[in-house]
N, C-alpha and C. Protein backbone atom coordinates (compact mmCIF):
# COMPACT_ATOMS: atom_id res chain seq x y z
N MET A 1 77.97 92.75 99.21
CA MET A 1 79.05 93.71 99.21
C MET A 1 79.26 94.20 97.78
N SER A 2 79.38 95.49 97.66
CA SER A 2 79.59 96.03 96.32
C SER A 2 81.01 95.70 95.84
N LYS A 3 81.19 95.77 94.56
CA LYS A 3 82.50 95.48 93.98
C LYS A 3 83.56 96.45 94.51
N LEU A 4 83.19 97.71 94.67
CA LEU A 4 84.13 98.70 95.17
C LEU A 4 84.53 98.39 96.61
N ALA A 5 83.57 98.05 97.45
CA ALA A 5 83.86 97.70 98.85
C ALA A 5 84.73 96.44 98.91
N GLU A 6 84.44 95.48 98.07
CA GLU A 6 85.23 94.25 98.02
C GLU A 6 86.67 94.57 97.59
N PHE A 7 86.80 95.44 96.60
CA PHE A 7 88.13 95.85 96.14
C PHE A 7 88.90 96.55 97.25
N ARG A 8 88.26 97.47 97.95
CA ARG A 8 88.92 98.21 99.04
C ARG A 8 89.35 97.27 100.16
N ARG A 9 88.50 96.29 100.49
CA ARG A 9 88.84 95.32 101.52
C ARG A 9 90.05 94.51 101.10
N ALA A 10 90.06 94.05 99.86
CA ALA A 10 91.17 93.26 99.35
C ALA A 10 92.45 94.10 99.33
N GLU A 11 92.31 95.35 98.99
CA GLU A 11 93.46 96.25 98.95
C GLU A 11 94.06 96.42 100.35
N ARG A 12 93.21 96.59 101.37
CA ARG A 12 93.70 96.71 102.75
C ARG A 12 94.39 95.43 103.20
N GLU A 13 93.81 94.30 102.87
CA GLU A 13 94.41 93.02 103.24
C GLU A 13 95.77 92.83 102.57
N LEU A 14 95.86 93.23 101.33
CA LEU A 14 97.12 93.13 100.60
C LEU A 14 98.18 94.01 101.26
N GLN A 15 97.82 95.20 101.66
CA GLN A 15 98.77 96.08 102.34
C GLN A 15 99.27 95.46 103.63
N LYS A 16 98.38 94.83 104.39
CA LYS A 16 98.77 94.15 105.63
C LYS A 16 99.74 93.01 105.34
N GLN A 17 99.43 92.24 104.30
CA GLN A 17 100.29 91.11 103.94
C GLN A 17 101.65 91.60 103.45
N MET A 18 101.68 92.69 102.71
CA MET A 18 102.95 93.23 102.23
C MET A 18 103.81 93.72 103.40
N ALA A 19 103.19 94.33 104.40
CA ALA A 19 103.92 94.79 105.58
C ALA A 19 104.50 93.59 106.32
N LEU A 20 103.72 92.53 106.46
CA LEU A 20 104.20 91.32 107.11
C LEU A 20 105.36 90.71 106.33
N LEU A 21 105.25 90.67 105.03
CA LEU A 21 106.32 90.13 104.18
C LEU A 21 107.60 90.93 104.36
N GLU A 22 107.50 92.24 104.40
CA GLU A 22 108.68 93.08 104.60
C GLU A 22 109.32 92.80 105.95
N GLN A 23 108.50 92.62 106.98
CA GLN A 23 109.03 92.28 108.31
C GLN A 23 109.78 90.96 108.28
N LEU A 24 109.18 89.98 107.64
CA LEU A 24 109.80 88.66 107.58
C LEU A 24 111.09 88.68 106.78
N GLN A 25 111.13 89.45 105.71
CA GLN A 25 112.33 89.54 104.89
C GLN A 25 113.48 90.17 105.66
N ALA A 26 113.18 91.03 106.61
CA ALA A 26 114.21 91.68 107.42
C ALA A 26 114.63 90.84 108.62
N ASP A 27 113.94 89.75 108.89
CA ASP A 27 114.19 88.91 110.05
C ASP A 27 115.45 88.06 109.82
N THR A 28 116.49 88.31 110.60
CA THR A 28 117.75 87.59 110.39
C THR A 28 117.64 86.10 110.70
N SER A 29 116.82 85.75 111.69
CA SER A 29 116.69 84.32 112.00
C SER A 29 116.00 83.59 110.84
N LEU A 30 115.06 84.25 110.19
CA LEU A 30 114.41 83.64 109.02
C LEU A 30 115.41 83.51 107.88
N GLN A 31 116.25 84.50 107.70
CA GLN A 31 117.26 84.45 106.64
C GLN A 31 118.22 83.28 106.87
N ARG A 32 118.62 83.08 108.14
CA ARG A 32 119.51 81.94 108.46
C ARG A 32 118.80 80.62 108.17
N GLU A 33 117.54 80.53 108.55
CA GLU A 33 116.77 79.30 108.33
C GLU A 33 116.63 79.01 106.83
N MET A 34 116.38 80.05 106.05
CA MET A 34 116.25 79.87 104.59
C MET A 34 117.58 79.43 103.99
N GLY A 35 118.68 80.02 104.47
CA GLY A 35 120.01 79.63 103.99
C GLY A 35 120.30 78.17 104.32
N PHE A 36 119.94 77.75 105.53
CA PHE A 36 120.13 76.36 105.93
C PHE A 36 119.32 75.43 105.04
N GLU A 37 118.07 75.82 104.77
CA GLU A 37 117.21 74.99 103.93
C GLU A 37 117.81 74.84 102.52
N GLU A 38 118.32 75.93 101.97
CA GLU A 38 118.93 75.87 100.64
C GLU A 38 120.14 74.94 100.62
N LYS A 39 120.98 75.05 101.65
CA LYS A 39 122.16 74.18 101.73
C LYS A 39 121.75 72.72 101.89
N LEU A 40 120.75 72.48 102.71
CA LEU A 40 120.27 71.11 102.92
C LEU A 40 119.72 70.52 101.63
N GLN A 41 118.94 71.29 100.91
CA GLN A 41 118.40 70.81 99.63
C GLN A 41 119.50 70.54 98.63
N ALA A 42 120.53 71.39 98.63
CA ALA A 42 121.66 71.17 97.72
C ALA A 42 122.38 69.87 98.07
N LEU A 43 122.55 69.61 99.35
CA LEU A 43 123.20 68.35 99.78
C LEU A 43 122.36 67.14 99.40
N MET A 44 121.07 67.25 99.55
CA MET A 44 120.19 66.11 99.24
C MET A 44 120.12 65.87 97.73
N ALA A 45 120.37 66.91 96.94
CA ALA A 45 120.32 66.76 95.49
C ALA A 45 121.55 66.04 94.95
N ASP A 46 122.64 66.07 95.72
CA ASP A 46 123.89 65.42 95.27
C ASP A 46 123.80 63.93 95.27
């Protein structure tokens, strides 16, 4: 595979991953789970 083709493939994969990340960041259930995890870690640190 040429360097340019490899770069283009990586670029497409990155775009897919960024779209998935944006979806996950907008997911309210994930936000609640992350908030719970932060609170739990804070309690365990005490």
